[in-house]
N, C-alpha and C. Protein backbone atom coordinates (compact mmCIF):
# COMPACT_ATOMS: atom_id res chain seq x y z
N MET A 1 -3.10 -3.47 11.35
CA MET A 1 -2.15 -2.68 10.28
C MET A 1 -1.18 -2.13 10.59
N LYS A 2 -0.49 -2.34 9.56
CA LYS A 2 1.19 -1.50 9.84
C LYS A 2 1.16 -0.09 9.62
N SER A 3 2.16 0.83 10.21
CA SER A 3 1.62 2.08 10.14
C SER A 3 1.65 2.50 8.44
N TRP A 4 2.63 1.64 7.77
CA TRP A 4 2.65 2.47 6.19
C TRP A 4 1.45 2.10 5.20
N GLN A 5 0.84 1.29 6.08
CA GLN A 5 -1.01 0.85 5.29
C GLN A 5 -1.43 2.26 5.74
N LEU A 6 -1.67 2.21 7.03
CA LEU A 6 -2.65 3.23 7.22
C LEU A 6 -2.25 4.41 6.72
N VAL A 7 -1.00 5.11 6.94
CA VAL A 7 -0.60 6.43 6.23
C VAL A 7 -1.38 6.25 4.75
N ARG A 8 -1.49 5.36 4.22
CA ARG A 8 -2.28 4.79 2.48
C ARG A 8 -3.75 5.63 2.85
N VAL A 9 -4.24 4.59 3.91
CA VAL A 9 -5.69 4.47 4.31
C VAL A 9 -6.10 6.50 4.35
N ILE A 10 -5.44 6.65 5.65
CA ILE A 10 -5.79 8.24 6.18
C ILE A 10 -5.14 9.24 4.66
N ALA A 11 -4.41 8.96 3.93
CA ALA A 11 -4.46 10.01 2.83
C ALA A 11 -5.18 10.13 1.72
N GLY A 12 -5.58 8.76 1.36
CA GLY A 12 -6.77 8.39 0.32
C GLY A 12 -8.10 9.28 1.12
N SER A 13 -8.60 8.74 2.25
CA SER A 13 -9.85 9.26 2.91
C SER A 13 -9.55 10.64 2.85
N PHE A 14 -8.33 11.45 3.33
CA PHE A 14 -8.64 12.85 3.49
C PHE A 14 -8.90 13.58 1.65
N ILE A 15 -8.15 12.77 0.57
CA ILE A 15 -8.17 12.91 -0.32
C ILE A 15 -9.77 13.15 -0.85
N LEU A 16 -10.09 11.98 -0.44
CA LEU A 16 -11.81 11.82 -1.03
C LEU A 16 -12.70 12.89 -0.17
N ILE A 17 -12.47 12.99 0.96
CA ILE A 17 -13.23 13.81 1.43
C ILE A 17 -12.68 15.41 1.56
N SER A 18 -11.88 15.87 1.04
CA SER A 18 -11.64 17.06 0.62
C SER A 18 -12.08 17.58 -0.83
N LEU A 19 -12.14 16.24 -1.70
CA LEU A 19 -12.79 16.64 -3.22
C LEU A 19 -14.12 16.80 -3.10
N VAL A 20 -14.67 16.01 -1.78
CA VAL A 20 -16.27 16.14 -1.78
C VAL A 20 -16.68 17.17 -1.43
N PHE A 21 -15.56 17.92 -0.71
CA PHE A 21 -16.10 19.54 -0.54
C PHE A 21 -15.67 20.55 -0.93
N GLY A 22 -14.78 19.99 -1.97
CA GLY A 22 -14.14 21.23 -2.53
C GLY A 22 -14.81 21.23 -4.01
N VAL A 23 -15.05 20.25 -4.52
CA VAL A 23 -15.35 20.38 -5.96
C VAL A 23 -17.46 20.77 -6.24
N PRO A 24 -17.31 21.69 -6.79
CA PRO A 24 -18.55 22.37 -7.04
C PRO A 24 -19.83 21.47 -7.42
N GLY A 25 -19.70 20.59 -8.12
CA GLY A 25 -20.63 19.82 -8.40
C GLY A 25 -20.86 18.58 -7.54
N SER A 26 -20.14 18.49 -6.28
CA SER A 26 -20.39 17.90 -5.21
C SER A 26 -22.26 18.33 -4.44
N PRO A 27 -22.73 17.31 -4.40
CA PRO A 27 -23.96 17.61 -3.12
C PRO A 27 -23.31 18.15 -1.94
N LEU A 28 -22.21 17.91 -1.55
CA LEU A 28 -21.62 18.41 -0.02
C LEU A 28 -20.95 19.55 -0.09
N PHE A 29 -20.86 20.16 -1.41
CA PHE A 29 -19.77 21.23 -1.01
C PHE A 29 -19.89 22.48 -0.44
N LEU A 30 -18.68 22.83 -0.06
CA LEU A 30 -18.71 23.96 0.77
C LEU A 30 -17.89 25.06 0.25
N SER A 31 -16.96 24.87 -0.22
CA SER A 31 -15.73 26.06 -0.96
C SER A 31 -14.84 25.37 -1.44
N GLN A 32 -13.67 25.95 -2.43
CA GLN A 32 -13.23 25.39 -3.13
C GLN A 32 -12.07 25.45 -2.70
N TRP A 33 -11.89 26.07 -1.45
CA TRP A 33 -10.32 25.81 -0.69
C TRP A 33 -10.16 24.65 0.29
N TRP A 34 -11.49 23.85 -0.05
CA TRP A 34 -10.97 22.09 0.33
C TRP A 34 -10.11 21.69 -0.67
N LEU A 35 -9.80 22.19 -2.02
CA LEU A 35 -9.02 21.76 -2.57
C LEU A 35 -7.77 22.12 -2.62
N ALA A 36 -7.27 23.01 -1.62
CA ALA A 36 -5.69 23.39 -1.41
C ALA A 36 -5.88 22.30 0.02
N PHE A 37 -6.50 21.83 0.43
CA PHE A 37 -5.96 20.30 1.35
C PHE A 37 -5.35 19.39 0.47
N THR A 38 -6.28 19.06 -0.79
CA THR A 38 -5.88 17.81 -1.55
C THR A 38 -4.83 18.34 -1.92
N ALA A 39 -4.21 19.36 -2.43
CA ALA A 39 -3.01 19.60 -2.93
C ALA A 39 -2.06 19.82 -1.97
N PHE A 40 -2.12 19.91 -0.59
CA PHE A 40 -1.20 19.70 0.53
C PHE A 40 -1.06 18.51 0.86
N ILE A 41 -2.33 17.25 0.83
CA ILE A 41 -1.56 16.11 0.45
C ILE A 41 -0.63 15.40 -0.30
N GLY A 42 -1.34 15.81 -1.24
CA GLY A 42 -0.63 15.19 -2.52
C GLY A 42 1.26 15.74 -2.32
N VAL A 43 1.24 17.13 -2.18
CA VAL A 43 2.76 17.60 -1.52
C VAL A 43 3.48 16.65 -0.71
N ASN A 44 2.82 16.17 0.24
CA ASN A 44 3.36 15.74 1.45
C ASN A 44 3.78 13.85 0.81
N LEU A 45 2.58 13.61 -0.06
CA LEU A 45 3.01 12.03 -0.27
C LEU A 45 3.87 12.03 -1.61
N LEU A 46 4.40 13.40 -2.46
CA LEU A 46 5.40 13.48 -3.09
C LEU A 46 6.78 13.44 -2.44
N GLN A 47 7.00 14.25 -1.21
CA GLN A 47 7.81 14.77 -0.29
C GLN A 47 8.45 13.35 -0.12
N SER A 48 7.34 12.59 0.97
CA SER A 48 7.72 11.05 1.64
C SER A 48 8.20 10.15 0.35
N GLY A 49 7.74 10.66 -0.60
CA GLY A 49 8.26 9.66 -1.81
C GLY A 49 9.71 9.61 -2.69
N LEU A 50 10.03 10.98 -2.45
CA LEU A 50 11.64 11.47 -2.52
C LEU A 50 12.36 11.27 -1.45
N THR A 51 11.64 11.23 -0.27
CA THR A 51 12.62 11.85 1.14
C THR A 51 13.08 10.14 1.83
N HIS A 52 12.02 9.65 1.67
CA HIS A 52 11.88 8.18 2.55
C HIS A 52 11.14 8.82 4.04
N TRP A 53 10.87 9.33 4.25
CA TRP A 53 10.31 9.68 5.57
C TRP A 53 8.22 10.71 4.97
N CYS A 54 8.22 10.04 6.53
CA CYS A 54 6.57 10.97 6.39
C CYS A 54 6.57 11.06 7.62
N LEU A 55 5.87 12.65 8.16
CA LEU A 55 5.44 12.38 9.73
C LEU A 55 4.61 11.58 10.25
N MET A 56 3.39 11.51 9.01
CA MET A 56 2.13 10.79 9.61
C MET A 56 2.51 9.26 10.14
N GLU A 57 3.39 8.78 9.22
CA GLU A 57 4.11 7.42 9.63
C GLU A 57 4.80 7.60 11.02
N SER A 58 5.60 8.22 11.07
CA SER A 58 6.26 8.78 12.34
C SER A 58 5.62 8.72 13.69
N LEU A 59 4.45 9.47 13.49
CA LEU A 59 3.57 9.63 14.81
C LEU A 59 2.92 8.10 15.03
N LEU A 60 2.47 7.82 13.85
CA LEU A 60 1.38 6.63 13.79
C LEU A 60 2.29 5.08 14.81
N ARG A 61 3.68 5.37 14.44
CA ARG A 61 5.10 4.13 15.10
C ARG A 61 4.73 4.79 16.94
N LYS A 62 4.72 6.24 17.01
CA LYS A 62 4.80 6.68 18.44
C LYS A 62 3.28 6.07 19.16
N LEU A 63 2.13 5.83 18.79
CA LEU A 63 1.19 5.45 18.80
C LEU A 63 1.02 4.15 18.61
N GLY A 64 2.20 3.33 18.38
CA GLY A 64 1.98 1.94 18.56
C GLY A 64 1.89 1.34 17.53
N PHE A 65 1.86 1.74 16.34
CA PHE A 65 1.33 0.79 15.13
C PHE A 65 2.58 0.34 14.63
N PRO A 66 3.00 -0.97 14.20
CA PRO A 66 4.07 -1.50 13.81
C PRO A 66 4.51 -0.95 12.26
N ALA A 67 5.54 -1.41 12.38
CA ALA A 67 6.46 -0.31 11.04
C ALA A 67 6.08 -1.36 10.12
N GLY A 68 6.24 -2.49 10.01
CA GLY A 68 6.14 -3.30 8.76
C GLY A 68 7.37 -3.20 7.77
N CYS A 69 7.17 -3.86 6.50
CA CYS A 69 8.04 -3.76 5.42
C CYS A 69 7.66 -2.66 4.28
């Protein structure tokens, strides 16, 4: 898997997990503060789209994942 694909898988997973823990109607609800984590991920996705730089992708490349196109 390419690093840019893995970034999207990780971001999507984190968003779904934080929604499961942060939405009051969820059976696994812990606290609405988990929604702040959702917002943090959204801000990072927006920043990477505007600046063409992503910290997670840089870390994955250092771990040996190929960059891809």
